[in-house]
mmCIF file of all heavy atoms, coordinates in Angstrom:
data_MODEL
# 
_entry.id   MODEL 
# 
loop_
_atom_site.group_PDB 
_atom_site.id 
_atom_site.type_symbol 
_atom_site.label_atom_id 
_atom_site.label_alt_id 
_atom_site.label_comp_id 
_atom_site.label_asym_id 
_atom_site.label_entity_id 
_atom_site.label_seq_id 
_atom_site.pdbx_PDB_ins_code 
_atom_site.Cartn_x 
_atom_site.Cartn_y 
_atom_site.Cartn_z 
_atom_site.occupancy 
_atom_site.B_iso_or_equiv 
_atom_site.pdbx_formal_charge 
_atom_site.auth_seq_id 
_atom_site.auth_comp_id 
_atom_site.auth_asym_id 
_atom_site.auth_atom_id 
_atom_site.pdbx_PDB_model_num 
ATOM 1   N N   . LEU A 1 1  ? 0.819   -1.204 0.000   1.00 0.00 ? 1  LEU A N   1 
ATOM 2   C CA  . LEU A 1 1  ? 0.000   0.000  0.000   1.00 0.00 ? 1  LEU A CA  1 
ATOM 3   C C   . LEU A 1 1  ? 0.856   1.258  0.000   1.00 0.00 ? 1  LEU A C   1 
ATOM 4   O O   . LEU A 1 1  ? 1.872   1.332  0.694   1.00 0.00 ? 1  LEU A O   1 
ATOM 5   C CB  . LEU A 1 1  ? -0.924  0.014  1.224   1.00 0.00 ? 1  LEU A CB  1 
ATOM 6   C CG  . LEU A 1 1  ? -1.833  -1.197 1.412   1.00 0.00 ? 1  LEU A CG  1 
ATOM 7   C CD1 . LEU A 1 1  ? -2.675  -1.032 2.676   1.00 0.00 ? 1  LEU A CD1 1 
ATOM 8   C CD2 . LEU A 1 1  ? -2.731  -1.410 0.196   1.00 0.00 ? 1  LEU A CD2 1 
ATOM 9   N N   . TYR A 1 2  ? 0.417   2.237  -0.761  1.00 0.00 ? 2  TYR A N   1 
ATOM 10  C CA  . TYR A 1 2  ? 1.056   3.549  -0.738  1.00 0.00 ? 2  TYR A CA  1 
ATOM 11  C C   . TYR A 1 2  ? 0.633   4.327  0.503   1.00 0.00 ? 2  TYR A C   1 
ATOM 12  O O   . TYR A 1 2  ? 1.436   5.030  1.112   1.00 0.00 ? 2  TYR A O   1 
ATOM 13  C CB  . TYR A 1 2  ? 0.667   4.318  -2.012  1.00 0.00 ? 2  TYR A CB  1 
ATOM 14  C CG  . TYR A 1 2  ? 1.058   5.770  -2.013  1.00 0.00 ? 2  TYR A CG  1 
ATOM 15  C CD1 . TYR A 1 2  ? 2.397   6.147  -2.164  1.00 0.00 ? 2  TYR A CD1 1 
ATOM 16  C CD2 . TYR A 1 2  ? 0.094   6.770  -1.871  1.00 0.00 ? 2  TYR A CD2 1 
ATOM 17  C CE1 . TYR A 1 2  ? 2.763   7.495  -2.170  1.00 0.00 ? 2  TYR A CE1 1 
ATOM 18  C CE2 . TYR A 1 2  ? 0.454   8.116  -1.873  1.00 0.00 ? 2  TYR A CE2 1 
ATOM 19  C CZ  . TYR A 1 2  ? 1.782   8.467  -2.021  1.00 0.00 ? 2  TYR A CZ  1 
ATOM 20  O OH  . TYR A 1 2  ? 2.141   9.797  -2.026  1.00 0.00 ? 2  TYR A OH  1 
ATOM 21  N N   . PHE A 1 3  ? -0.640  4.149  0.885   1.00 0.00 ? 3  PHE A N   1 
ATOM 22  C CA  . PHE A 1 3  ? -1.165  4.856  2.056   1.00 0.00 ? 3  PHE A CA  1 
ATOM 23  C C   . PHE A 1 3  ? -2.426  4.143  2.521   1.00 0.00 ? 3  PHE A C   1 
ATOM 24  O O   . PHE A 1 3  ? -3.182  3.596  1.714   1.00 0.00 ? 3  PHE A O   1 
ATOM 25  C CB  . PHE A 1 3  ? -1.500  6.316  1.688   1.00 0.00 ? 3  PHE A CB  1 
ATOM 26  C CG  . PHE A 1 3  ? -2.115  7.106  2.818   1.00 0.00 ? 3  PHE A CG  1 
ATOM 27  C CD1 . PHE A 1 3  ? -1.313  7.662  3.806   1.00 0.00 ? 3  PHE A CD1 1 
ATOM 28  C CD2 . PHE A 1 3  ? -3.496  7.277  2.901   1.00 0.00 ? 3  PHE A CD2 1 
ATOM 29  C CE1 . PHE A 1 3  ? -1.880  8.387  4.856   1.00 0.00 ? 3  PHE A CE1 1 
ATOM 30  C CE2 . PHE A 1 3  ? -4.069  8.000  3.941   1.00 0.00 ? 3  PHE A CE2 1 
ATOM 31  C CZ  . PHE A 1 3  ? -3.254  8.554  4.917   1.00 0.00 ? 3  PHE A CZ  1 
ATOM 32  N N   . TRP A 1 4  ? -2.636  4.149  3.831   1.00 0.00 ? 4  TRP A N   1 
ATOM 33  C CA  . TRP A 1 4  ? -3.913  3.673  4.369   1.00 0.00 ? 4  TRP A CA  1 
ATOM 34  C C   . TRP A 1 4  ? -4.162  4.358  5.699   1.00 0.00 ? 4  TRP A C   1 
ATOM 35  O O   . TRP A 1 4  ? -3.256  4.837  6.364   1.00 0.00 ? 4  TRP A O   1 
ATOM 36  C CB  . TRP A 1 4  ? -3.930  2.148  4.527   1.00 0.00 ? 4  TRP A CB  1 
ATOM 37  C CG  . TRP A 1 4  ? -3.136  1.611  5.687   1.00 0.00 ? 4  TRP A CG  1 
ATOM 38  C CD1 . TRP A 1 4  ? -1.807  1.313  5.698   1.00 0.00 ? 4  TRP A CD1 1 
ATOM 39  C CD2 . TRP A 1 4  ? -3.634  1.313  7.002   1.00 0.00 ? 4  TRP A CD2 1 
ATOM 40  N NE1 . TRP A 1 4  ? -1.424  0.844  6.927   1.00 0.00 ? 4  TRP A NE1 1 
ATOM 41  C CE2 . TRP A 1 4  ? -2.534  0.832  7.762   1.00 0.00 ? 4  TRP A CE2 1 
ATOM 42  C CE3 . TRP A 1 4  ? -4.883  1.387  7.617   1.00 0.00 ? 4  TRP A CE3 1 
ATOM 43  C CZ2 . TRP A 1 4  ? -2.650  0.437  9.094   1.00 0.00 ? 4  TRP A CZ2 1 
ATOM 44  C CZ3 . TRP A 1 4  ? -5.003  1.006  8.934   1.00 0.00 ? 4  TRP A CZ3 1 
ATOM 45  C CH2 . TRP A 1 4  ? -3.905  0.531  9.662   1.00 0.00 ? 4  TRP A CH2 1 
ATOM 46  N N   . LEU A 1 5  ? -5.421  4.418  6.060   1.00 0.00 ? 5  LEU A N   1 
ATOM 47  C CA  . LEU A 1 5  ? -5.784  4.905  7.391   1.00 0.00 ? 5  LEU A CA  1 
ATOM 48  C C   . LEU A 1 5  ? -7.118  4.292  7.779   1.00 0.00 ? 5  LEU A C   1 
ATOM 49  O O   . LEU A 1 5  ? -7.876  3.804  6.940   1.00 0.00 ? 5  LEU A O   1 
ATOM 50  C CB  . LEU A 1 5  ? -5.834  6.429  7.450   1.00 0.00 ? 5  LEU A CB  1 
ATOM 51  C CG  . LEU A 1 5  ? -6.848  7.220  6.616   1.00 0.00 ? 5  LEU A CG  1 
ATOM 52  C CD1 . LEU A 1 5  ? -8.252  7.173  7.185   1.00 0.00 ? 5  LEU A CD1 1 
ATOM 53  C CD2 . LEU A 1 5  ? -6.415  8.679  6.524   1.00 0.00 ? 5  LEU A CD2 1 
ATOM 54  N N   . SER A 1 6  ? -7.391  4.313  9.071   1.00 0.00 ? 6  SER A N   1 
ATOM 55  C CA  . SER A 1 6  ? -8.672  3.855  9.598   1.00 0.00 ? 6  SER A CA  1 
ATOM 56  C C   . SER A 1 6  ? -9.147  4.875  10.612  1.00 0.00 ? 6  SER A C   1 
ATOM 57  O O   . SER A 1 6  ? -8.555  5.020  11.679  1.00 0.00 ? 6  SER A O   1 
ATOM 58  C CB  . SER A 1 6  ? -8.537  2.469  10.244  1.00 0.00 ? 6  SER A CB  1 
ATOM 59  O OG  . SER A 1 6  ? -9.783  2.032  10.756  1.00 0.00 ? 6  SER A OG  1 
ATOM 60  N N   . GLU A 1 7  ? -10.187 5.608  10.252  1.00 0.00 ? 7  GLU A N   1 
ATOM 61  C CA  . GLU A 1 7  ? -10.756 6.614  11.140  1.00 0.00 ? 7  GLU A CA  1 
ATOM 62  C C   . GLU A 1 7  ? -12.197 6.883  10.723  1.00 0.00 ? 7  GLU A C   1 
ATOM 63  O O   . GLU A 1 7  ? -12.595 6.600  9.595   1.00 0.00 ? 7  GLU A O   1 
ATOM 64  C CB  . GLU A 1 7  ? -9.949  7.917  11.083  1.00 0.00 ? 7  GLU A CB  1 
ATOM 65  C CG  . GLU A 1 7  ? -9.996  8.612  9.743   1.00 0.00 ? 7  GLU A CG  1 
ATOM 66  C CD  . GLU A 1 7  ? -9.180  9.896  9.709   1.00 0.00 ? 7  GLU A CD  1 
ATOM 67  O OE1 . GLU A 1 7  ? -8.285  10.062 10.551  1.00 0.00 ? 7  GLU A OE1 1 
ATOM 68  O OE2 . GLU A 1 7  ? -9.444  10.737 8.805   1.00 0.00 ? 7  GLU A OE2 1 
ATOM 69  N N   . LYS A 1 8  ? -12.970 7.408  11.623  1.00 0.00 ? 8  LYS A N   1 
ATOM 70  C CA  . LYS A 1 8  ? -14.363 7.696  11.348  1.00 0.00 ? 8  LYS A CA  1 
ATOM 71  C C   . LYS A 1 8  ? -14.471 8.740  10.239  1.00 0.00 ? 8  LYS A C   1 
ATOM 72  O O   . LYS A 1 8  ? -13.698 9.700  10.196  1.00 0.00 ? 8  LYS A O   1 
ATOM 73  C CB  . LYS A 1 8  ? -15.058 8.206  12.615  1.00 0.00 ? 8  LYS A CB  1 
ATOM 74  C CG  . LYS A 1 8  ? -16.557 8.388  12.470  1.00 0.00 ? 8  LYS A CG  1 
ATOM 75  C CD  . LYS A 1 8  ? -17.194 8.805  13.787  1.00 0.00 ? 8  LYS A CD  1 
ATOM 76  C CE  . LYS A 1 8  ? -18.708 8.976  13.637  1.00 0.00 ? 8  LYS A CE  1 
ATOM 77  N NZ  . LYS A 1 8  ? -19.342 9.390  14.915  1.00 0.00 ? 8  LYS A NZ  1 
ATOM 78  N N   . ASP A 1 9  ? -15.414 8.535  9.333   1.00 0.00 ? 9  ASP A N   1 
ATOM 79  C CA  . ASP A 1 9  ? -15.656 9.508  8.275   1.00 0.00 ? 9  ASP A CA  1 
ATOM 80  C C   . ASP A 1 9  ? -17.156 9.703  8.118   1.00 0.00 ? 9  ASP A C   1 
ATOM 81  O O   . ASP A 1 9  ? -17.950 9.100  8.846   1.00 0.00 ? 9  ASP A O   1 
ATOM 82  C CB  . ASP A 1 9  ? -15.011 9.067  6.951   1.00 0.00 ? 9  ASP A CB  1 
ATOM 83  C CG  . ASP A 1 9  ? -15.439 7.679  6.507   1.00 0.00 ? 9  ASP A CG  1 
ATOM 84  O OD1 . ASP A 1 9  ? -16.651 7.378  6.577   1.00 0.00 ? 9  ASP A OD1 1 
ATOM 85  O OD2 . ASP A 1 9  ? -14.576 6.883  6.097   1.00 0.00 ? 9  ASP A OD2 1 
ATOM 86  N N   . SER A 1 10 ? -17.532 10.530 7.164   1.00 0.00 ? 10 SER A N   1 
ATOM 87  C CA  . SER A 1 10 ? -18.953 10.827 6.964   1.00 0.00 ? 10 SER A CA  1 
ATOM 88  C C   . SER A 1 10 ? -19.559 10.036 5.828   1.00 0.00 ? 10 SER A C   1 
ATOM 89  O O   . SER A 1 10 ? -20.631 10.380 5.331   1.00 0.00 ? 10 SER A O   1 
ATOM 90  C CB  . SER A 1 10 ? -19.151 12.334 6.717   1.00 0.00 ? 10 SER A CB  1 
ATOM 91  O OG  . SER A 1 10 ? -18.454 12.751 5.560   1.00 0.00 ? 10 SER A OG  1 
ATOM 92  N N   . GLY A 1 11 ? -18.886 8.962  5.413   1.00 0.00 ? 11 GLY A N   1 
ATOM 93  C CA  . GLY A 1 11 ? -19.455 8.114  4.379   1.00 0.00 ? 11 GLY A CA  1 
ATOM 94  C C   . GLY A 1 11 ? -18.481 7.841  3.253   1.00 0.00 ? 11 GLY A C   1 
ATOM 95  O O   . GLY A 1 11 ? -17.320 8.281  3.261   1.00 0.00 ? 11 GLY A O   1 
ATOM 96  N N   . GLN A 1 12 ? -18.973 7.121  2.254   1.00 0.00 ? 12 GLN A N   1 
ATOM 97  C CA  . GLN A 1 12 ? -18.132 6.663  1.148   1.00 0.00 ? 12 GLN A CA  1 
ATOM 98  C C   . GLN A 1 12 ? -17.496 7.818  0.380   1.00 0.00 ? 12 GLN A C   1 
ATOM 99  O O   . GLN A 1 12 ? -16.311 7.773  0.045   1.00 0.00 ? 12 GLN A O   1 
ATOM 100 C CB  . GLN A 1 12 ? -18.973 5.796  0.207   1.00 0.00 ? 12 GLN A CB  1 
ATOM 101 C CG  . GLN A 1 12 ? -18.194 5.148  -0.916  1.00 0.00 ? 12 GLN A CG  1 
ATOM 102 C CD  . GLN A 1 12 ? -19.095 4.332  -1.829  1.00 0.00 ? 12 GLN A CD  1 
ATOM 103 O OE1 . GLN A 1 12 ? -20.314 4.371  -1.735  1.00 0.00 ? 12 GLN A OE1 1 
ATOM 104 N NE2 . GLN A 1 12 ? -18.480 3.584  -2.725  1.00 0.00 ? 12 GLN A NE2 1 
ATOM 105 N N   . SER A 1 13 ? -18.270 8.855  0.095   1.00 0.00 ? 13 SER A N   1 
ATOM 106 C CA  . SER A 1 13 ? -17.726 9.988  -0.662  1.00 0.00 ? 13 SER A CA  1 
ATOM 107 C C   . SER A 1 13 ? -16.584 10.645 0.089   1.00 0.00 ? 13 SER A C   1 
ATOM 108 O O   . SER A 1 13 ? -15.556 11.010 -0.509  1.00 0.00 ? 13 SER A O   1 
ATOM 109 C CB  . SER A 1 13 ? -18.829 11.015 -0.948  1.00 0.00 ? 13 SER A CB  1 
ATOM 110 O OG  . SER A 1 13 ? -19.842 10.460 -1.752  1.00 0.00 ? 13 SER A OG  1 
ATOM 111 N N   . ASP A 1 14 ? -16.746 10.810 1.388   1.00 0.00 ? 14 ASP A N   1 
ATOM 112 C CA  . ASP A 1 14 ? -15.698 11.409 2.216   1.00 0.00 ? 14 ASP A CA  1 
ATOM 113 C C   . ASP A 1 14 ? -14.441 10.545 2.183   1.00 0.00 ? 14 ASP A C   1 
ATOM 114 O O   . ASP A 1 14 ? -13.314 11.062 2.066   1.00 0.00 ? 14 ASP A O   1 
ATOM 115 C CB  . ASP A 1 14 ? -16.209 11.572 3.649   1.00 0.00 ? 14 ASP A CB  1 
ATOM 116 C CG  . ASP A 1 14 ? -15.226 12.310 4.552   1.00 0.00 ? 14 ASP A CG  1 
ATOM 117 O OD1 . ASP A 1 14 ? -14.447 13.131 4.042   1.00 0.00 ? 14 ASP A OD1 1 
ATOM 118 O OD2 . ASP A 1 14 ? -15.253 12.069 5.778   1.00 0.00 ? 14 ASP A OD2 1 
ATOM 119 N N   . ALA A 1 15 ? -14.612 9.236  2.280   1.00 0.00 ? 15 ALA A N   1 
ATOM 120 C CA  . ALA A 1 15 ? -13.461 8.325  2.259   1.00 0.00 ? 15 ALA A CA  1 
ATOM 121 C C   . ALA A 1 15 ? -12.723 8.406  0.926   1.00 0.00 ? 15 ALA A C   1 
ATOM 122 O O   . ALA A 1 15 ? -11.485 8.459  0.888   1.00 0.00 ? 15 ALA A O   1 
ATOM 123 C CB  . ALA A 1 15 ? -13.931 6.894  2.515   1.00 0.00 ? 15 ALA A CB  1 
ATOM 124 N N   . ILE A 1 16 ? -13.465 8.430  -0.177  1.00 0.00 ? 16 ILE A N   1 
ATOM 125 C CA  . ILE A 1 16 ? -12.831 8.512  -1.499  1.00 0.00 ? 16 ILE A CA  1 
ATOM 126 C C   . ILE A 1 16 ? -12.084 9.837  -1.644  1.00 0.00 ? 16 ILE A C   1 
ATOM 127 O O   . ILE A 1 16 ? -10.974 9.881  -2.178  1.00 0.00 ? 16 ILE A O   1 
ATOM 128 C CB  . ILE A 1 16 ? -13.881 8.340  -2.607  1.00 0.00 ? 16 ILE A CB  1 
ATOM 129 C CG1 . ILE A 1 16 ? -14.471 6.924  -2.551  1.00 0.00 ? 16 ILE A CG1 1 
ATOM 130 C CG2 . ILE A 1 16 ? -13.277 8.598  -3.985  1.00 0.00 ? 16 ILE A CG2 1 
ATOM 131 C CD1 . ILE A 1 16 ? -15.716 6.733  -3.382  1.00 0.00 ? 16 ILE A CD1 1 
ATOM 132 N N   . ASN A 1 17 ? -12.678 10.921 -1.150  1.00 0.00 ? 17 ASN A N   1 
ATOM 133 C CA  . ASN A 1 17 ? -12.000 12.225 -1.207  1.00 0.00 ? 17 ASN A CA  1 
ATOM 134 C C   . ASN A 1 17 ? -10.685 12.208 -0.436  1.00 0.00 ? 17 ASN A C   1 
ATOM 135 O O   . ASN A 1 17 ? -9.685  12.790 -0.877  1.00 0.00 ? 17 ASN A O   1 
ATOM 136 C CB  . ASN A 1 17 ? -12.910 13.319 -0.656  1.00 0.00 ? 17 ASN A CB  1 
ATOM 137 C CG  . ASN A 1 17 ? -14.022 13.701 -1.609  1.00 0.00 ? 17 ASN A CG  1 
ATOM 138 O OD1 . ASN A 1 17 ? -13.944 13.452 -2.816  1.00 0.00 ? 17 ASN A OD1 1 
ATOM 139 N ND2 . ASN A 1 17 ? -15.066 14.307 -1.079  1.00 0.00 ? 17 ASN A ND2 1 
ATOM 140 N N   . LYS A 1 18 ? -10.688 11.550 0.712   1.00 0.00 ? 18 LYS A N   1 
ATOM 141 C CA  . LYS A 1 18 ? -9.439  11.448 1.482   1.00 0.00 ? 18 LYS A CA  1 
ATOM 142 C C   . LYS A 1 18 ? -8.362  10.743 0.656   1.00 0.00 ? 18 LYS A C   1 
ATOM 143 O O   . LYS A 1 18 ? -7.192  11.150 0.666   1.00 0.00 ? 18 LYS A O   1 
ATOM 144 C CB  . LYS A 1 18 ? -9.683  10.692 2.788   1.00 0.00 ? 18 LYS A CB  1 
ATOM 145 C CG  . LYS A 1 18 ? -10.484 11.470 3.823   1.00 0.00 ? 18 LYS A CG  1 
ATOM 146 C CD  . LYS A 1 18 ? -10.687 10.639 5.093   1.00 0.00 ? 18 LYS A CD  1 
ATOM 147 C CE  . LYS A 1 18 ? -11.482 11.406 6.135   1.00 0.00 ? 18 LYS A CE  1 
ATOM 148 N NZ  . LYS A 1 18 ? -11.694 10.617 7.379   1.00 0.00 ? 18 LYS A NZ  1 
ATOM 149 N N   . GLY A 1 19 ? -8.752  9.691  -0.025  1.00 0.00 ? 19 GLY A N   1 
ATOM 150 C CA  . GLY A 1 19 ? -7.807  8.994  -0.886  1.00 0.00 ? 19 GLY A CA  1 
ATOM 151 C C   . GLY A 1 19 ? -7.368  9.849  -2.058  1.00 0.00 ? 19 GLY A C   1 
ATOM 152 O O   . GLY A 1 19 ? -6.185  9.855  -2.434  1.00 0.00 ? 19 GLY A O   1 
ATOM 153 N N   . LEU A 1 20 ? -8.313  10.589 -2.631  1.00 0.00 ? 20 LEU A N   1 
ATOM 154 C CA  . LEU A 1 20 ? -8.008  11.469 -3.760  1.00 0.00 ? 20 LEU A CA  1 
ATOM 155 C C   . LEU A 1 20 ? -6.960  12.506 -3.385  1.00 0.00 ? 20 LEU A C   1 
ATOM 156 O O   . LEU A 1 20 ? -6.060  12.828 -4.170  1.00 0.00 ? 20 LEU A O   1 
ATOM 157 C CB  . LEU A 1 20 ? -9.291  12.145 -4.238  1.00 0.00 ? 20 LEU A CB  1 
ATOM 158 C CG  . LEU A 1 20 ? -9.167  13.150 -5.388  1.00 0.00 ? 20 LEU A CG  1 
ATOM 159 C CD1 . LEU A 1 20 ? -8.712  12.442 -6.660  1.00 0.00 ? 20 LEU A CD1 1 
ATOM 160 C CD2 . LEU A 1 20 ? -10.497 13.859 -5.627  1.00 0.00 ? 20 LEU A CD2 1 
ATOM 161 N N   . HIS A 1 21 ? -7.056  13.027 -2.177  1.00 0.00 ? 21 HIS A N   1 
ATOM 162 C CA  . HIS A 1 21 ? -6.114  14.061 -1.735  1.00 0.00 ? 21 HIS A CA  1 
ATOM 163 C C   . HIS A 1 21 ? -4.696  13.510 -1.543  1.00 0.00 ? 21 HIS A C   1 
ATOM 164 O O   . HIS A 1 21 ? -3.732  14.275 -1.552  1.00 0.00 ? 21 HIS A O   1 
ATOM 165 C CB  . HIS A 1 21 ? -6.607  14.690 -0.428  1.00 0.00 ? 21 HIS A CB  1 
ATOM 166 C CG  . HIS A 1 21 ? -7.923  15.383 -0.576  1.00 0.00 ? 21 HIS A CG  1 
ATOM 167 N ND1 . HIS A 1 21 ? -8.726  15.707 0.499   1.00 0.00 ? 21 HIS A ND1 1 
ATOM 168 C CD2 . HIS A 1 21 ? -8.601  15.811 -1.691  1.00 0.00 ? 21 HIS A CD2 1 
ATOM 169 C CE1 . HIS A 1 21 ? -9.824  16.298 0.068   1.00 0.00 ? 21 HIS A CE1 1 
ATOM 170 N NE2 . HIS A 1 21 ? -9.771  16.367 -1.246  1.00 0.00 ? 21 HIS A NE2 1 
ATOM 171 N N   . LYS A 1 22 ? -4.589  12.197 -1.369  1.00 0.00 ? 22 LYS A N   1 
ATOM 172 C CA  . LYS A 1 22 ? -3.274  11.560 -1.236  1.00 0.00 ? 22 LYS A CA  1 
ATOM 173 C C   . LYS A 1 22 ? -2.735  11.059 -2.579  1.00 0.00 ? 22 LYS A C   1 
ATOM 174 O O   . LYS A 1 22 ? -1.539  10.797 -2.708  1.00 0.00 ? 22 LYS A O   1 
ATOM 175 C CB  . LYS A 1 22 ? -3.357  10.379 -0.274  1.00 0.00 ? 22 LYS A CB  1 
ATOM 176 C CG  . LYS A 1 22 ? -3.596  10.770 1.182   1.00 0.00 ? 22 LYS A CG  1 
ATOM 177 C CD  . LYS A 1 22 ? -2.375  11.443 1.775   1.00 0.00 ? 22 LYS A CD  1 
ATOM 178 C CE  . LYS A 1 22 ? -2.570  11.761 3.254   1.00 0.00 ? 22 LYS A CE  1 
ATOM 179 N NZ  . LYS A 1 22 ? -1.369  12.429 3.823   1.00 0.00 ? 22 LYS A NZ  1 
ATOM 180 N N   . ALA A 1 23 ? -3.613  10.929 -3.559  1.00 0.00 ? 23 ALA A N   1 
ATOM 181 C CA  . ALA A 1 23 ? -3.260  10.289 -4.827  1.00 0.00 ? 23 ALA A CA  1 
ATOM 182 C C   . ALA A 1 23 ? -2.299  11.142 -5.646  1.00 0.00 ? 23 ALA A C   1 
ATOM 183 O O   . ALA A 1 23 ? -2.434  12.363 -5.719  1.00 0.00 ? 23 ALA A O   1 
ATOM 184 C CB  . ALA A 1 23 ? -4.528  10.025 -5.632  1.00 0.00 ? 23 ALA A CB  1 
ATOM 185 N N   . THR A 1 24 ? -1.332  10.483 -6.272  1.00 0.00 ? 24 THR A N   1 
ATOM 186 C CA  . THR A 1 24 ? -0.381  11.159 -7.158  1.00 0.00 ? 24 THR A CA  1 
ATOM 187 C C   . THR A 1 24 ? -0.363  10.523 -8.546  1.00 0.00 ? 24 THR A C   1 
ATOM 188 O O   . THR A 1 24 ? 0.480   10.867 -9.376  1.00 0.00 ? 24 THR A O   1 
ATOM 189 C CB  . THR A 1 24 ? 1.038   11.125 -6.568  1.00 0.00 ? 24 THR A CB  1 
ATOM 190 O OG1 . THR A 1 24 ? 1.504   9.766  -6.516  1.00 0.00 ? 24 THR A OG1 1 
ATOM 191 C CG2 . THR A 1 24 ? 1.080   11.731 -5.172  1.00 0.00 ? 24 THR A CG2 1 
ATOM 192 N N   . GLY A 1 25 ? -1.260  9.592  -8.807  1.00 0.00 ? 25 GLY A N   1 
ATOM 193 C CA  . GLY A 1 25 ? -1.273  8.891  -10.082 1.00 0.00 ? 25 GLY A CA  1 
ATOM 194 C C   . GLY A 1 25 ? -1.782  9.748  -11.229 1.00 0.00 ? 25 GLY A C   1 
ATOM 195 O O   . GLY A 1 25 ? -2.463  10.756 -11.029 1.00 0.00 ? 25 GLY A O   1 
ATOM 196 N N   . ASP A 1 26 ? -1.472  9.320  -12.448 1.00 0.00 ? 26 ASP A N   1 
ATOM 197 C CA  . ASP A 1 26 ? -1.977  9.983  -13.656 1.00 0.00 ? 26 ASP A CA  1 
ATOM 198 C C   . ASP A 1 26 ? -3.411  9.546  -13.946 1.00 0.00 ? 26 ASP A C   1 
ATOM 199 O O   . ASP A 1 26 ? -4.196  10.307 -14.512 1.00 0.00 ? 26 ASP A O   1 
ATOM 200 C CB  . ASP A 1 26 ? -1.094  9.622  -14.854 1.00 0.00 ? 26 ASP A CB  1 
ATOM 201 C CG  . ASP A 1 26 ? 0.371   9.912  -14.587 1.00 0.00 ? 26 ASP A CG  1 
ATOM 202 O OD1 . ASP A 1 26 ? 0.696   11.096 -14.385 1.00 0.00 ? 26 ASP A OD1 1 
ATOM 203 O OD2 . ASP A 1 26 ? 1.170   8.951  -14.562 1.00 0.00 ? 26 ASP A OD2 1 
# 
């Protein structure tokens, strides 16, 4: 894994956004 975390969020969209903010892919 490049990155992972486990913490409370406000749902699927919030979780995907967190991943998006870490993403560096094309």
